[in-house]
Amino acid sequence: KWRALDIRITDAANEAKDNVKYLYSLEKYYDP
C-alpha cells in the first residue's frame, strides 16, 4: 500500500513540475 501511495505522490509531483514548466513557457504570450 505504501509503495502504491509513493508512486501516486511521485507521479502527481512530476505532473505538477511538468505543467509548471510548460505554463511558464506560455507567460510571454499571455502577458499581452
Full PDB file with SEQRES, HELIX, SHEET, SSBOND, CRYST1, ORIGX, SCALE, CONECT and MASTER records, all heavy atoms in Angstrom:
SEQRES   1 A   32  LYS TRP ARG ALA LEU ASP ILE ARG ILE THR ASP ALA ALA          
SEQRES   2 A   32  ASN GLU ALA LYS ASP ASN VAL LYS TYR LEU TYR SER LEU          
SEQRES   3 A   32  GLU LYS TYR TYR ASP PRO                                      
HELIX    1 AA1 TRP A    2  TYR A   30  1                                  29    
CRYST1    1.000    1.000    1.000  90.00  90.00  90.00 P 1           1          
ORIGX1      1.000000  0.000000  0.000000        0.00000                         
ORIGX2      0.000000  1.000000  0.000000        0.00000                         
ORIGX3      0.000000  0.000000  1.000000        0.00000                         
SCALE1      1.000000  0.000000  0.000000        0.00000                         
SCALE2      0.000000  1.000000  0.000000        0.00000                         
SCALE3      0.000000  0.000000  1.000000        0.00000                         
ATOM      1  N   LYS A   1       0.832  -1.200   0.000  1.00  0.00           N  
ATOM      2  CA  LYS A   1       0.000   0.000   0.000  1.00  0.00           C  
ATOM      3  C   LYS A   1       0.872   1.258   0.000  1.00  0.00           C  
ATOM      4  O   LYS A   1       0.595   2.232  -0.703  1.00  0.00           O  
ATOM      5  CB  LYS A   1      -0.902  -0.017   1.234  1.00  0.00           C  
ATOM      6  CG  LYS A   1      -2.037   0.941   1.199  1.00  0.00           C  
ATOM      7  CD  LYS A   1      -2.904   0.742   2.444  1.00  0.00           C  
ATOM      8  CE  LYS A   1      -4.311   1.163   2.167  1.00  0.00           C  
ATOM      9  NZ  LYS A   1      -5.202   0.968   3.293  1.00  0.00           N  
ATOM     10  N   TRP A   2       1.943   1.222   0.779  1.00  0.00           N  
ATOM     11  CA  TRP A   2       2.868   2.344   0.858  1.00  0.00           C  
ATOM     12  C   TRP A   2       3.489   2.630  -0.507  1.00  0.00           C  
ATOM     13  O   TRP A   2       3.573   3.772  -0.941  1.00  0.00           O  
ATOM     14  CB  TRP A   2       3.964   2.063   1.886  1.00  0.00           C  
ATOM     15  CG  TRP A   2       4.995   3.132   1.881  1.00  0.00           C  
ATOM     16  CD1 TRP A   2       6.198   3.118   1.251  1.00  0.00           C  
ATOM     17  CD2 TRP A   2       4.902   4.415   2.505  1.00  0.00           C  
ATOM     18  NE1 TRP A   2       6.851   4.308   1.435  1.00  0.00           N  
ATOM     19  CE2 TRP A   2       6.073   5.115   2.212  1.00  0.00           C  
ATOM     20  CE3 TRP A   2       3.926   5.021   3.286  1.00  0.00           C  
ATOM     21  CZ2 TRP A   2       6.312   6.400   2.668  1.00  0.00           C  
ATOM     22  CZ3 TRP A   2       4.171   6.300   3.750  1.00  0.00           C  
ATOM     23  CH2 TRP A   2       5.347   6.970   3.438  1.00  0.00           C  
ATOM     24  N   ARG A   3       3.941   1.581  -1.169  1.00  0.00           N  
ATOM     25  CA  ARG A   3       4.565   1.763  -2.490  1.00  0.00           C  
ATOM     26  C   ARG A   3       3.582   2.356  -3.492  1.00  0.00           C  
ATOM     27  O   ARG A   3       3.943   3.208  -4.310  1.00  0.00           O  
ATOM     28  CB  ARG A   3       5.125   0.435  -2.990  1.00  0.00           C  
ATOM     29  CG  ARG A   3       6.391   0.056  -2.264  1.00  0.00           C  
ATOM     30  CD  ARG A   3       7.097  -1.130  -2.910  1.00  0.00           C  
ATOM     31  NE  ARG A   3       8.238  -1.510  -2.103  1.00  0.00           N  
ATOM     32  CZ  ARG A   3       8.315  -2.615  -1.372  1.00  0.00           C  
ATOM     33  NH1 ARG A   3       7.312  -3.462  -1.365  1.00  0.00           N  
ATOM     34  NH2 ARG A   3       9.387  -2.878  -0.664  1.00  0.00           N  
ATOM     35  N   ALA A   4       2.322   1.910  -3.436  1.00  0.00           N  
ATOM     36  CA  ALA A   4       1.306   2.446  -4.341  1.00  0.00           C  
ATOM     37  C   ALA A   4       1.092   3.938  -4.078  1.00  0.00           C  
ATOM     38  O   ALA A   4       0.998   4.734  -5.019  1.00  0.00           O  
ATOM     39  CB  ALA A   4      -0.003   1.677  -4.179  1.00  0.00           C  
ATOM     40  N   LEU A   5       1.033   4.314  -2.806  1.00  0.00           N  
ATOM     41  CA  LEU A   5       0.888   5.729  -2.460  1.00  0.00           C  
ATOM     42  C   LEU A   5       2.110   6.534  -2.895  1.00  0.00           C  
ATOM     43  O   LEU A   5       1.979   7.643  -3.412  1.00  0.00           O  
ATOM     44  CB  LEU A   5       0.664   5.904  -0.958  1.00  0.00           C  
ATOM     45  CG  LEU A   5      -0.727   5.587  -0.439  1.00  0.00           C  
ATOM     46  CD1 LEU A   5      -0.748   5.629   1.088  1.00  0.00           C  
ATOM     47  CD2 LEU A   5      -1.745   6.557  -1.003  1.00  0.00           C  
ATOM     48  N   ASP A   6       3.281   5.980  -2.679  1.00  0.00           N  
ATOM     49  CA  ASP A   6       4.524   6.648  -3.065  1.00  0.00           C  
ATOM     50  C   ASP A   6       4.555   6.895  -4.570  1.00  0.00           C  
ATOM     51  O   ASP A   6       4.940   7.978  -5.028  1.00  0.00           O  
ATOM     52  CB  ASP A   6       5.719   5.817  -2.614  1.00  0.00           C  
ATOM     53  CG  ASP A   6       7.038   6.526  -2.813  1.00  0.00           C  
ATOM     54  OD1 ASP A   6       7.101   7.755  -2.568  1.00  0.00           O  
ATOM     55  OD2 ASP A   6       8.023   5.870  -3.215  1.00  0.00           O  
ATOM     56  N   ILE A   7       4.120   5.926  -5.338  1.00  0.00           N  
ATOM     57  CA  ILE A   7       4.085   6.065  -6.797  1.00  0.00           C  
ATOM     58  C   ILE A   7       3.094   7.155  -7.199  1.00  0.00           C  
ATOM     59  O   ILE A   7       3.387   7.988  -8.063  1.00  0.00           O  
ATOM     60  CB  ILE A   7       3.736   4.712  -7.469  1.00  0.00           C  
ATOM     61  CG1 ILE A   7       4.924   3.757  -7.348  1.00  0.00           C  
ATOM     62  CG2 ILE A   7       3.333   4.901  -8.929  1.00  0.00           C  
ATOM     63  CD1 ILE A   7       4.610   2.320  -7.723  1.00  0.00           C  
ATOM     64  N   ARG A   8       1.927   7.189  -6.566  1.00  0.00           N  
ATOM     65  CA  ARG A   8       0.925   8.213  -6.881  1.00  0.00           C  
ATOM     66  C   ARG A   8       1.436   9.609  -6.528  1.00  0.00           C  
ATOM     67  O   ARG A   8       1.235  10.559  -7.287  1.00  0.00           O  
ATOM     68  CB  ARG A   8      -0.376   7.928  -6.141  1.00  0.00           C  
ATOM     69  CG  ARG A   8      -1.173   6.787  -6.746  1.00  0.00           C  
ATOM     70  CD  ARG A   8      -2.471   6.527  -6.013  1.00  0.00           C  
ATOM     71  NE  ARG A   8      -3.327   7.704  -6.006  1.00  0.00           N  
ATOM     72  CZ  ARG A   8      -4.274   7.913  -5.094  1.00  0.00           C  
ATOM     73  NH1 ARG A   8      -4.494   7.056  -4.140  1.00  0.00           N  
ATOM     74  NH2 ARG A   8      -5.016   9.003  -5.159  1.00  0.00           N  
ATOM     75  N   ILE A   9       2.092   9.734  -5.382  1.00  0.00           N  
ATOM     76  CA  ILE A   9       2.632  11.034  -4.966  1.00  0.00           C  
ATOM     77  C   ILE A   9       3.720  11.488  -5.929  1.00  0.00           C  
ATOM     78  O   ILE A   9       3.746  12.642  -6.359  1.00  0.00           O  
ATOM     79  CB  ILE A   9       3.152  10.973  -3.518  1.00  0.00           C  
ATOM     80  CG1 ILE A   9       1.980  10.826  -2.543  1.00  0.00           C  
ATOM     81  CG2 ILE A   9       3.987  12.198  -3.179  1.00  0.00           C  
ATOM     82  CD1 ILE A   9       2.383  10.475  -1.128  1.00  0.00           C  
ATOM     83  N   THR A  10       4.604  10.578  -6.286  1.00  0.00           N  
ATOM     84  CA  THR A  10       5.697  10.905  -7.215  1.00  0.00           C  
ATOM     85  C   THR A  10       5.132  11.316  -8.573  1.00  0.00           C  
ATOM     86  O   THR A  10       5.590  12.296  -9.173  1.00  0.00           O  
ATOM     87  CB  THR A  10       6.652   9.716  -7.368  1.00  0.00           C  
ATOM     88  OG1 THR A  10       7.173   9.381  -6.075  1.00  0.00           O  
ATOM     89  CG2 THR A  10       7.799  10.032  -8.314  1.00  0.00           C  
ATOM     90  N   ASP A  11       4.131  10.609  -9.044  1.00  0.00           N  
ATOM     91  CA  ASP A  11       3.529  10.933 -10.335  1.00  0.00           C  
ATOM     92  C   ASP A  11       2.845  12.305 -10.294  1.00  0.00           C  
ATOM     93  O   ASP A  11       2.986  13.099 -11.221  1.00  0.00           O  
ATOM     94  CB  ASP A  11       2.531   9.847 -10.739  1.00  0.00           C  
ATOM     95  CG  ASP A  11       2.099   9.993 -12.188  1.00  0.00           C  
ATOM     96  OD1 ASP A  11       2.985  10.132 -13.065  1.00  0.00           O  
ATOM     97  OD2 ASP A  11       0.881   9.977 -12.452  1.00  0.00           O  
ATOM     98  N   ALA A  12       2.129  12.581  -9.208  1.00  0.00           N  
ATOM     99  CA  ALA A  12       1.464  13.882  -9.074  1.00  0.00           C  
ATOM    100  C   ALA A  12       2.490  15.012  -8.991  1.00  0.00           C  
ATOM    101  O   ALA A  12       2.292  16.083  -9.574  1.00  0.00           O  
ATOM    102  CB  ALA A  12       0.557  13.889  -7.842  1.00  0.00           C  
ATOM    103  N   ALA A  13       3.593  14.772  -8.297  1.00  0.00           N  
ATOM    104  CA  ALA A  13       4.654  15.785  -8.211  1.00  0.00           C  
ATOM    105  C   ALA A  13       5.275  16.022  -9.583  1.00  0.00           C  
ATOM    106  O   ALA A  13       5.527  17.172  -9.969  1.00  0.00           O  
ATOM    107  CB  ALA A  13       5.718  15.346  -7.209  1.00  0.00           C  
ATOM    108  N   ASN A  14       5.507  14.950 -10.321  1.00  0.00           N  
ATOM    109  CA  ASN A  14       6.068  15.083 -11.670  1.00  0.00           C  
ATOM    110  C   ASN A  14       5.102  15.810 -12.605  1.00  0.00           C  
ATOM    111  O   ASN A  14       5.523  16.627 -13.427  1.00  0.00           O  
ATOM    112  CB  ASN A  14       6.428  13.712 -12.245  1.00  0.00           C  
ATOM    113  CG  ASN A  14       7.639  13.110 -11.586  1.00  0.00           C  
ATOM    114  OD1 ASN A  14       8.468  13.807 -11.008  1.00  0.00           O  
ATOM    115  ND2 ASN A  14       7.739  11.797 -11.638  1.00  0.00           N  
ATOM    116  N   GLU A  15       3.805  15.527 -12.459  1.00  0.00           N  
ATOM    117  CA  GLU A  15       2.809  16.219 -13.274  1.00  0.00           C  
ATOM    118  C   GLU A  15       2.821  17.723 -12.985  1.00  0.00           C  
ATOM    119  O   GLU A  15       2.829  18.535 -13.908  1.00  0.00           O  
ATOM    120  CB  GLU A  15       1.413  15.661 -13.001  1.00  0.00           C  
ATOM    121  CG  GLU A  15       0.329  16.393 -13.763  1.00  0.00           C  
ATOM    122  CD  GLU A  15      -1.074  15.908 -13.435  1.00  0.00           C  
ATOM    123  OE1 GLU A  15      -1.278  15.284 -12.376  1.00  0.00           O  
ATOM    124  OE2 GLU A  15      -1.978  16.178 -14.249  1.00  0.00           O  
ATOM    125  N   ALA A  16       2.835  18.074 -11.718  1.00  0.00           N  
ATOM    126  CA  ALA A  16       2.833  19.497 -11.350  1.00  0.00           C  
ATOM    127  C   ALA A  16       4.098  20.182 -11.867  1.00  0.00           C  
ATOM    128  O   ALA A  16       4.032  21.284 -12.414  1.00  0.00           O  
ATOM    129  CB  ALA A  16       2.720  19.647  -9.834  1.00  0.00           C  
ATOM    130  N   LYS A  17       5.237  19.527 -11.723  1.00  0.00           N  
ATOM    131  CA  LYS A  17       6.503  20.103 -12.189  1.00  0.00           C  
ATOM    132  C   LYS A  17       6.483  20.311 -13.704  1.00  0.00           C  
ATOM    133  O   LYS A  17       6.866  21.372 -14.206  1.00  0.00           O  
ATOM    134  CB  LYS A  17       7.651  19.179 -11.793  1.00  0.00           C  
ATOM    135  CG  LYS A  17       9.015  19.676 -12.184  1.00  0.00           C  
ATOM    136  CD  LYS A  17      10.091  18.702 -11.747  1.00  0.00           C  
ATOM    137  CE  LYS A  17      11.466  19.178 -12.164  1.00  0.00           C  
ATOM    138  NZ  LYS A  17      12.506  18.188 -11.834  1.00  0.00           N  
ATOM    139  N   ASP A  18       6.018  19.306 -14.418  1.00  0.00           N  
ATOM    140  CA  ASP A  18       5.947  19.374 -15.878  1.00  0.00           C  
ATOM    141  C   ASP A  18       4.985  20.480 -16.324  1.00  0.00           C  
ATOM    142  O   ASP A  18       5.306  21.278 -17.206  1.00  0.00           O  
ATOM    143  CB  ASP A  18       5.478  18.006 -16.401  1.00  0.00           C  
ATOM    144  CG  ASP A  18       5.727  17.819 -17.881  1.00  0.00           C  
ATOM    145  OD1 ASP A  18       6.883  17.982 -18.310  1.00  0.00           O  
ATOM    146  OD2 ASP A  18       4.760  17.500 -18.610  1.00  0.00           O  
ATOM    147  N   ASN A  19       3.824  20.544 -15.687  1.00  0.00           N  
ATOM    148  CA  ASN A  19       2.833  21.542 -16.070  1.00  0.00           C  
ATOM    149  C   ASN A  19       3.310  22.960 -15.776  1.00  0.00           C  
ATOM    150  O   ASN A  19       3.087  23.871 -16.577  1.00  0.00           O  
ATOM    151  CB  ASN A  19       1.499  21.265 -15.382  1.00  0.00           C  
ATOM    152  CG  ASN A  19       0.826  20.030 -15.936  1.00  0.00           C  
ATOM    153  OD1 ASN A  19       1.236  19.481 -16.954  1.00  0.00           O  
ATOM    154  ND2 ASN A  19      -0.204  19.566 -15.269  1.00  0.00           N  
ATOM    155  N   VAL A  20       3.969  23.153 -14.649  1.00  0.00           N  
ATOM    156  CA  VAL A  20       4.506  24.482 -14.330  1.00  0.00           C  
ATOM    157  C   VAL A  20       5.542  24.893 -15.373  1.00  0.00           C  
ATOM    158  O   VAL A  20       5.533  26.026 -15.858  1.00  0.00           O  
ATOM    159  CB  VAL A  20       5.102  24.515 -12.899  1.00  0.00           C  
ATOM    160  CG1 VAL A  20       5.951  25.758 -12.688  1.00  0.00           C  
ATOM    161  CG2 VAL A  20       3.987  24.461 -11.862  1.00  0.00           C  
ATOM    162  N   LYS A  21       6.395  23.961 -15.745  1.00  0.00           N  
ATOM    163  CA  LYS A  21       7.425  24.262 -16.748  1.00  0.00           C  
ATOM    164  C   LYS A  21       6.790  24.722 -18.063  1.00  0.00           C  
ATOM    165  O   LYS A  21       7.179  25.754 -18.627  1.00  0.00           O  
ATOM    166  CB  LYS A  21       8.290  23.016 -16.987  1.00  0.00           C  
ATOM    167  CG  LYS A  21       9.326  23.177 -18.077  1.00  0.00           C  
ATOM    168  CD  LYS A  21      10.176  21.940 -18.247  1.00  0.00           C  
ATOM    169  CE  LYS A  21       9.415  20.870 -18.972  1.00  0.00           C  
ATOM    170  NZ  LYS A  21      10.236  19.716 -19.338  1.00  0.00           N  
ATOM    171  N   TYR A  22       5.787  24.007 -18.531  1.00  0.00           N  
ATOM    172  CA  TYR A  22       5.165  24.362 -19.805  1.00  0.00           C  
ATOM    173  C   TYR A  22       4.319  25.628 -19.699  1.00  0.00           C  
ATOM    174  O   TYR A  22       4.289  26.430 -20.632  1.00  0.00           O  
ATOM    175  CB  TYR A  22       4.346  23.192 -20.356  1.00  0.00           C  
ATOM    176  CG  TYR A  22       5.239  22.106 -20.892  1.00  0.00           C  
ATOM    177  CD1 TYR A  22       5.315  20.877 -20.278  1.00  0.00           C  
ATOM    178  CD2 TYR A  22       6.035  22.331 -22.011  1.00  0.00           C  
ATOM    179  CE1 TYR A  22       6.154  19.887 -20.765  1.00  0.00           C  
ATOM    180  CE2 TYR A  22       6.874  21.354 -22.508  1.00  0.00           C  
ATOM    181  CZ  TYR A  22       6.930  20.128 -21.883  1.00  0.00           C  
ATOM    182  OH  TYR A  22       7.766  19.159 -22.361  1.00  0.00           O  
ATOM    183  N   LEU A  23       3.639  25.804 -18.578  1.00  0.00           N  
ATOM    184  CA  LEU A  23       2.831  27.013 -18.428  1.00  0.00           C  
ATOM    185  C   LEU A  23       3.695  28.266 -18.309  1.00  0.00           C  
ATOM    186  O   LEU A  23       3.304  29.331 -18.766  1.00  0.00           O  
ATOM    187  CB  LEU A  23       1.880  26.876 -17.237  1.00  0.00           C  
ATOM    188  CG  LEU A  23       0.748  25.875 -17.461  1.00  0.00           C  
ATOM    189  CD1 LEU A  23       0.006  25.616 -16.164  1.00  0.00           C  
ATOM    190  CD2 LEU A  23      -0.200  26.359 -18.540  1.00  0.00           C  
ATOM    191  N   TYR A  24       4.883  28.129 -17.709  1.00  0.00           N  
ATOM    192  CA  TYR A  24       5.809  29.270 -17.680  1.00  0.00           C  
ATOM    193  C   TYR A  24       6.225  29.656 -19.098  1.00  0.00           C  
ATOM    194  O   TYR A  24       6.430  30.829 -19.394  1.00  0.00           O  
ATOM    195  CB  TYR A  24       7.053  28.960 -16.847  1.00  0.00           C  
ATOM    196  CG  TYR A  24       6.979  29.460 -15.435  1.00  0.00           C  
ATOM    197  CD1 TYR A  24       7.206  28.611 -14.367  1.00  0.00           C  
ATOM    198  CD2 TYR A  24       6.700  30.797 -15.144  1.00  0.00           C  
ATOM    199  CE1 TYR A  24       7.140  29.064 -13.057  1.00  0.00           C  
ATOM    200  CE2 TYR A  24       6.633  31.259 -13.852  1.00  0.00           C  
ATOM    201  CZ  TYR A  24       6.860  30.387 -12.810  1.00  0.00           C  
ATOM    202  OH  TYR A  24       6.780  30.848 -11.515  1.00  0.00           O  
ATOM    203  N   SER A  25       6.333  28.672 -19.983  1.00  0.00           N  
ATOM    204  CA  SER A  25       6.722  28.988 -21.361  1.00  0.00           C  
ATOM    205  C   SER A  25       5.632  29.783 -22.089  1.00  0.00           C  
ATOM    206  O   SER A  25       5.918  30.463 -23.069  1.00  0.00           O  
ATOM    207  CB  SER A  25       7.050  27.707 -22.133  1.00  0.00           C  
ATOM    208  OG  SER A  25       5.879  26.976 -22.439  1.00  0.00           O  
ATOM    209  N   LEU A  26       4.408  29.721 -21.608  1.00  0.00           N  
ATOM    210  CA  LEU A  26       3.311  30.485 -22.203  1.00  0.00           C  
ATOM    211  C   LEU A  26       3.269  31.936 -21.747  1.00  0.00           C  
ATOM    212  O   LEU A  26       2.619  32.770 -22.374  1.00  0.00           O  
ATOM    213  CB  LEU A  26       1.961  29.866 -21.809  1.00  0.00           C  
ATOM    214  CG  LEU A  26       1.494  28.628 -22.516  1.00  0.00           C  
ATOM    215  CD1 LEU A  26       0.137  28.213 -21.973  1.00  0.00           C  
ATOM    216  CD2 LEU A  26       1.415  28.838 -24.003  1.00  0.00           C  
ATOM    217  N   GLU A  27       3.943  32.215 -20.637  1.00  0.00           N  
ATOM    218  CA  GLU A  27       3.828  33.522 -19.986  1.00  0.00           C  
ATOM    219  C   GLU A  27       4.076  34.688 -20.939  1.00  0.00           C  
ATOM    220  O   GLU A  27       3.334  35.663 -20.955  1.00  0.00           O  
ATOM    221  CB  GLU A  27       4.774  33.581 -18.795  1.00  0.00           C  
ATOM    222  CG  GLU A  27       4.400  34.569 -17.755  1.00  0.00           C  
ATOM    223  CD  GLU A  27       5.206  34.394 -16.483  1.00  0.00           C  
ATOM    224  OE1 GLU A  27       6.364  33.920 -16.543  1.00  0.00           O  
ATOM    225  OE2 GLU A  27       4.672  34.748 -15.433  1.00  0.00           O  
ATOM    226  N   LYS A  28       5.103  34.576 -21.758  1.00  0.00           N  
ATOM    227  CA  LYS A  28       5.423  35.694 -22.657  1.00  0.00           C  
ATOM    228  C   LYS A  28       4.337  35.927 -23.703  1.00  0.00           C  
ATOM    229  O   LYS A  28       4.195  37.015 -24.232  1.00  0.00           O  
ATOM    230  CB  LYS A  28       6.774  35.474 -23.329  1.00  0.00           C  
ATOM    231  CG  LYS A  28       6.843  34.290 -24.261  1.00  0.00           C  
ATOM    232  CD  LYS A  28       8.228  34.123 -24.833  1.00  0.00           C  
ATOM    233  CE  LYS A  28       8.318  32.845 -25.639  1.00  0.00           C  
ATOM    234  NZ  LYS A  28       9.677  32.519 -25.969  1.00  0.00           N  
ATOM    235  N   TYR A  29       3.545  34.878 -23.958  1.00  0.00           N  
ATOM    236  CA  TYR A  29       2.463  35.017 -24.934  1.00  0.00           C  
ATOM    237  C   TYR A  29       1.187  35.554 -24.305  1.00  0.00           C  
ATOM    238  O   TYR A  29       0.433  36.274 -24.946  1.00  0.00           O  
ATOM    239  CB  TYR A  29       2.171  33.675 -25.615  1.00  0.00           C  
ATOM    240  CG  TYR A  29       3.344  33.141 -26.395  1.00  0.00           C  
ATOM    241  CD1 TYR A  29       4.086  32.072 -25.915  1.00  0.00           C  
ATOM    242  CD2 TYR A  29       3.720  33.722 -27.599  1.00  0.00           C  
ATOM    243  CE1 TYR A  29       5.171  31.578 -26.631  1.00  0.00           C  
ATOM    244  CE2 TYR A  29       4.803  33.242 -28.317  1.00  0.00           C  
ATOM    245  CZ  TYR A  29       5.523  32.167 -27.826  1.00  0.00           C  
ATOM    246  OH  TYR A  29       6.590  31.695 -28.522  1.00  0.00           O  
ATOM    247  N   TYR A  30       0.910  35.169 -23.046  1.00  0.00           N  
ATOM    248  CA  TYR A  30      -0.354  35.629 -22.466  1.00  0.00           C  
ATOM    249  C   TYR A  30      -0.241  36.929 -21.686  1.00  0.00           C  
ATOM    250  O   TYR A  30      -1.256  37.546 -21.371  1.00  0.00           O  
ATOM    251  CB  TYR A  30      -1.053  34.544 -21.643  1.00  0.00           C  
ATOM    252  CG  TYR A  30      -0.400  34.089 -20.366  1.00  0.00           C  
ATOM    253  CD1 TYR A  30      -0.255  34.934 -19.271  1.00  0.00           C  
ATOM    254  CD2 TYR A  30       0.034  32.787 -20.223  1.00  0.00           C  
ATOM    255  CE1 TYR A  30       0.316  34.501 -18.094  1.00  0.00           C  
ATOM    256  CE2 TYR A  30       0.607  32.349 -19.049  1.00  0.00           C  
ATOM    257  CZ  TYR A  30       0.739  33.197 -17.984  1.00  0.00           C  
ATOM    258  OH  TYR A  30       1.308  32.763 -16.821  1.00  0.00           O  
ATOM    259  N   ASP A  31       0.963  37.401 -21.397  1.00  0.00           N  
ATOM    260  CA  ASP A  31       1.104  38.694 -20.725  1.00  0.00           C  
ATOM    261  C   ASP A  31       0.424  39.831 -21.496  1.00  0.00           C  
ATOM    262  O   ASP A  31      -0.245  40.671 -20.884  1.00  0.00           O  
ATOM    263  CB  ASP A  31       2.569  39.020 -20.451  1.00  0.00           C  
ATOM    264  CG  ASP A  31       3.059  38.420 -19.143  1.00  0.00           C  
ATOM    265  OD1 ASP A  31       2.206  37.988 -18.326  1.00  0.00           O  
ATOM    266  OD2 ASP A  31       4.281  38.386 -18.929  1.00  0.00           O  
ATOM    267  N   PRO A  32       0.552  39.893 -22.830  1.00  0.00           N  
ATOM    268  CA  PRO A  32      -0.143  40.966 -23.563  1.00  0.00           C  
ATOM    269  C   PRO A  32      -1.670  40.910 -23.409  1.00  0.00           C  
ATOM    270  O   PRO A  32      -2.343  41.928 -23.537  1.00  0.00           O  
ATOM    271  CB  PRO A  32       0.249  40.724 -25.029  1.00  0.00           C  
ATOM    272  CG  PRO A  32       1.535  39.975 -24.964  1.00  0.00           C  
ATOM    273  CD  PRO A  32       1.451  39.143 -23.720  1.00  0.00           C  
TER     274      PRO A  32                                                      
MASTER        0    0    0    1    0    0    0    6  273    1    0    3          
END                                                                             
